[in-house]
């Protein structure tokens, strides 16, 4: 995990279709047909999948390094 600031967070969410904002949280949604039959599955825009959230803390957002280009 890597800690990012607001400008970097805004950039990665804007440039990645699986990421979106929910207030100050970054939502990572992955499509998966198994989600329909899971207690943790969610349906967004007619598509089933799973999601993770990355919340803001005092240093920024901690997100997987795969989202940050160096």
N, C-alpha and C. Protein backbone atom coordinates (compact mmCIF):
# COMPACT_ATOMS: atom_id res chain seq x y z
N UNK A 1 0.84 -1.17 0.00
CA UNK A 1 0.00 0.00 0.00
C UNK A 1 0.89 1.24 0.00
N UNK A 2 0.38 2.27 -0.62
CA UNK A 2 1.10 3.53 -0.70
C UNK A 2 0.13 4.65 -0.30
N UNK A 3 0.63 5.66 0.37
CA UNK A 3 -0.20 6.80 0.78
C UNK A 3 -0.11 7.88 -0.28
N UNK A 4 -1.29 8.37 -0.70
CA UNK A 4 -1.34 9.40 -1.74
C UNK A 4 -2.09 10.63 -1.24
N UNK A 5 -1.81 11.77 -1.87
CA UNK A 5 -2.48 13.01 -1.52
C UNK A 5 -3.73 13.22 -2.39
N UNK A 6 -4.44 14.32 -2.16
CA UNK A 6 -5.69 14.58 -2.88
C UNK A 6 -5.49 14.64 -4.40
N UNK A 7 -4.48 15.36 -4.86
CA UNK A 7 -4.27 15.51 -6.31
C UNK A 7 -4.02 14.16 -6.97
N UNK A 8 -3.20 13.33 -6.35
CA UNK A 8 -2.92 12.00 -6.89
C UNK A 8 -4.17 11.13 -6.85
N UNK A 9 -4.91 11.18 -5.73
CA UNK A 9 -6.15 10.40 -5.61
C UNK A 9 -7.14 10.81 -6.69
N UNK A 10 -7.32 12.11 -6.89
CA UNK A 10 -8.25 12.60 -7.91
C UNK A 10 -7.83 12.10 -9.29
N UNK A 11 -6.55 12.13 -9.57
CA UNK A 11 -6.04 11.70 -10.87
C UNK A 11 -6.27 10.21 -11.11
N UNK A 12 -5.98 9.35 -10.11
CA UNK A 12 -6.15 7.91 -10.33
C UNK A 12 -7.62 7.53 -10.44
N UNK A 13 -8.49 8.19 -9.69
CA UNK A 13 -9.92 7.88 -9.79
C UNK A 13 -10.45 8.31 -11.15
N UNK A 14 -10.02 9.47 -11.61
CA UNK A 14 -10.46 9.98 -12.91
C UNK A 14 -10.01 9.09 -14.07
N UNK A 15 -8.86 8.45 -13.94
CA UNK A 15 -8.29 7.67 -15.03
C UNK A 15 -8.48 6.16 -14.90
N UNK A 16 -9.29 5.70 -13.96
CA UNK A 16 -9.50 4.27 -13.77
C UNK A 16 -11.00 3.99 -13.67
N UNK A 17 -11.53 3.21 -14.60
CA UNK A 17 -12.96 2.94 -14.66
C UNK A 17 -13.48 2.14 -13.47
N UNK A 18 -12.64 1.40 -12.78
CA UNK A 18 -13.12 0.61 -11.64
C UNK A 18 -13.13 1.40 -10.33
N UNK A 19 -12.62 2.64 -10.36
CA UNK A 19 -12.59 3.47 -9.16
C UNK A 19 -13.61 4.59 -9.25
N UNK A 20 -14.17 4.95 -8.09
CA UNK A 20 -15.10 6.08 -8.03
C UNK A 20 -15.04 6.67 -6.63
N UNK A 21 -15.70 7.80 -6.46
CA UNK A 21 -15.75 8.47 -5.16
C UNK A 21 -17.08 8.19 -4.48
N UNK A 22 -17.04 8.07 -3.16
CA UNK A 22 -18.23 8.06 -2.32
C UNK A 22 -17.91 9.02 -1.18
N UNK A 23 -18.23 10.28 -1.37
CA UNK A 23 -17.79 11.30 -0.44
C UNK A 23 -16.28 11.42 -0.51
N UNK A 24 -15.60 11.17 0.61
CA UNK A 24 -14.14 11.22 0.64
C UNK A 24 -13.50 9.84 0.56
N UNK A 25 -14.30 8.82 0.32
CA UNK A 25 -13.77 7.45 0.18
C UNK A 25 -13.57 7.13 -1.29
N UNK A 26 -12.53 6.36 -1.58
CA UNK A 26 -12.32 5.83 -2.92
C UNK A 26 -12.92 4.43 -2.93
N UNK A 27 -13.77 4.15 -3.91
CA UNK A 27 -14.42 2.85 -4.05
C UNK A 27 -13.78 2.11 -5.22
N UNK A 28 -13.36 0.88 -4.99
CA UNK A 28 -12.77 0.02 -6.02
C UNK A 28 -13.77 -1.11 -6.29
N UNK A 29 -14.44 -1.06 -7.44
CA UNK A 29 -15.47 -2.03 -7.79
C UNK A 29 -14.95 -2.98 -8.87
N UNK A 30 -15.05 -4.26 -8.60
CA UNK A 30 -14.64 -5.29 -9.56
C UNK A 30 -15.85 -6.15 -9.91
N UNK A 31 -16.13 -6.26 -11.20
CA UNK A 31 -17.25 -7.09 -11.66
C UNK A 31 -16.97 -8.56 -11.37
N UNK A 32 -18.00 -9.28 -10.92
CA UNK A 32 -17.85 -10.71 -10.66
C UNK A 32 -19.25 -11.32 -10.56
N UNK A 33 -19.54 -12.29 -11.42
CA UNK A 33 -20.86 -12.89 -11.44
C UNK A 33 -21.19 -13.62 -10.14
N UNK A 34 -20.17 -14.05 -9.39
CA UNK A 34 -20.39 -14.74 -8.12
C UNK A 34 -20.98 -13.82 -7.05
N UNK A 35 -20.85 -12.53 -7.23
CA UNK A 35 -21.32 -11.56 -6.24
C UNK A 35 -22.83 -11.63 -6.03
N UNK A 36 -23.56 -12.04 -7.06
CA UNK A 36 -25.02 -12.13 -6.95
C UNK A 36 -25.45 -13.10 -5.85
N UNK A 37 -24.63 -14.10 -5.60
CA UNK A 37 -24.96 -15.13 -4.62
C UNK A 37 -24.17 -14.99 -3.32
N UNK A 38 -23.53 -13.85 -3.13
CA UNK A 38 -22.70 -13.62 -1.96
C UNK A 38 -23.33 -12.56 -1.06
N UNK A 39 -23.13 -12.70 0.24
CA UNK A 39 -23.62 -11.69 1.18
C UNK A 39 -22.88 -10.37 1.04
N UNK A 40 -21.68 -10.40 0.49
CA UNK A 40 -20.90 -9.17 0.35
C UNK A 40 -20.93 -8.60 -1.06
N UNK A 41 -21.71 -9.21 -1.94
CA UNK A 41 -21.84 -8.71 -3.30
C UNK A 41 -22.72 -7.48 -3.37
N UNK A 42 -22.52 -6.69 -4.41
CA UNK A 42 -23.30 -5.47 -4.60
C UNK A 42 -23.61 -5.32 -6.10
N UNK A 43 -24.74 -4.72 -6.39
CA UNK A 43 -25.14 -4.49 -7.78
C UNK A 43 -25.08 -3.00 -8.05
N UNK A 44 -24.28 -2.63 -9.03
CA UNK A 44 -24.12 -1.23 -9.42
C UNK A 44 -24.40 -1.12 -10.91
N UNK A 45 -25.34 -0.27 -11.27
CA UNK A 45 -25.71 -0.06 -12.68
C UNK A 45 -25.99 -1.38 -13.39
N UNK A 46 -26.68 -2.29 -12.72
CA UNK A 46 -27.05 -3.56 -13.33
C UNK A 46 -25.96 -4.61 -13.38
N UNK A 47 -24.81 -4.33 -12.79
CA UNK A 47 -23.68 -5.26 -12.82
C UNK A 47 -23.33 -5.69 -11.40
N UNK A 48 -23.19 -7.00 -11.20
CA UNK A 48 -22.82 -7.54 -9.90
C UNK A 48 -21.30 -7.54 -9.73
N UNK A 49 -20.87 -7.30 -8.50
CA UNK A 49 -19.44 -7.34 -8.22
C UNK A 49 -19.16 -7.15 -6.75
N UNK A 50 -17.88 -7.00 -6.45
CA UNK A 50 -17.41 -6.78 -5.09
C UNK A 50 -16.68 -5.44 -5.05
N UNK A 51 -16.63 -4.84 -3.87
CA UNK A 51 -15.93 -3.57 -3.77
C UNK A 51 -15.09 -3.49 -2.51
N UNK A 52 -14.10 -2.61 -2.57
CA UNK A 52 -13.25 -2.26 -1.42
C UNK A 52 -13.27 -0.76 -1.30
N UNK A 53 -13.10 -0.28 -0.10
CA UNK A 53 -13.02 1.16 0.09
C UNK A 53 -11.65 1.54 0.64
N UNK A 54 -11.20 2.70 0.24
CA UNK A 54 -9.96 3.27 0.74
C UNK A 54 -10.34 4.62 1.35
N UNK A 55 -10.22 4.72 2.66
CA UNK A 55 -10.68 5.91 3.37
C UNK A 55 -9.55 6.88 3.64
N UNK A 56 -9.93 8.13 3.74
CA UNK A 56 -8.99 9.20 4.03
C UNK A 56 -8.59 9.14 5.51
N UNK A 57 -7.29 9.24 5.77
CA UNK A 57 -6.82 9.38 7.14
C UNK A 57 -5.96 10.64 7.21
N UNK A 58 -5.28 10.85 8.29
CA UNK A 58 -4.54 12.11 8.46
C UNK A 58 -3.41 12.28 7.44
N UNK A 59 -2.90 11.20 6.86
CA UNK A 59 -1.80 11.29 5.89
C UNK A 59 -2.26 11.27 4.44
N UNK A 60 -3.50 10.89 4.18
CA UNK A 60 -4.00 10.76 2.82
C UNK A 60 -4.73 9.43 2.68
N UNK A 61 -4.80 8.94 1.46
CA UNK A 61 -5.46 7.65 1.20
C UNK A 61 -4.39 6.58 1.03
N UNK A 62 -4.59 5.42 1.63
CA UNK A 62 -3.69 4.29 1.43
C UNK A 62 -4.33 3.39 0.38
N UNK A 63 -3.69 3.30 -0.78
CA UNK A 63 -4.20 2.51 -1.90
C UNK A 63 -3.12 1.55 -2.37
N UNK A 64 -3.50 0.48 -3.08
CA UNK A 64 -2.49 -0.43 -3.62
C UNK A 64 -1.56 0.30 -4.60
N UNK A 65 -0.32 -0.08 -4.59
CA UNK A 65 0.68 0.57 -5.46
C UNK A 65 0.37 0.44 -6.94
N UNK A 66 -0.40 -0.58 -7.32
CA UNK A 66 -0.70 -0.80 -8.74
C UNK A 66 -1.46 0.38 -9.36
N UNK A 67 -2.11 1.21 -8.54
CA UNK A 67 -2.86 2.34 -9.06
C UNK A 67 -2.01 3.58 -9.29
N UNK A 68 -0.81 3.61 -8.73
CA UNK A 68 0.02 4.81 -8.79
C UNK A 68 1.17 4.58 -9.75
N UNK A 69 1.20 5.38 -10.79
CA UNK A 69 2.31 5.30 -11.76
C UNK A 69 3.45 6.14 -11.26
N UNK A 70 4.63 5.61 -11.37
CA UNK A 70 5.82 6.37 -10.93
C UNK A 70 6.64 6.80 -12.09
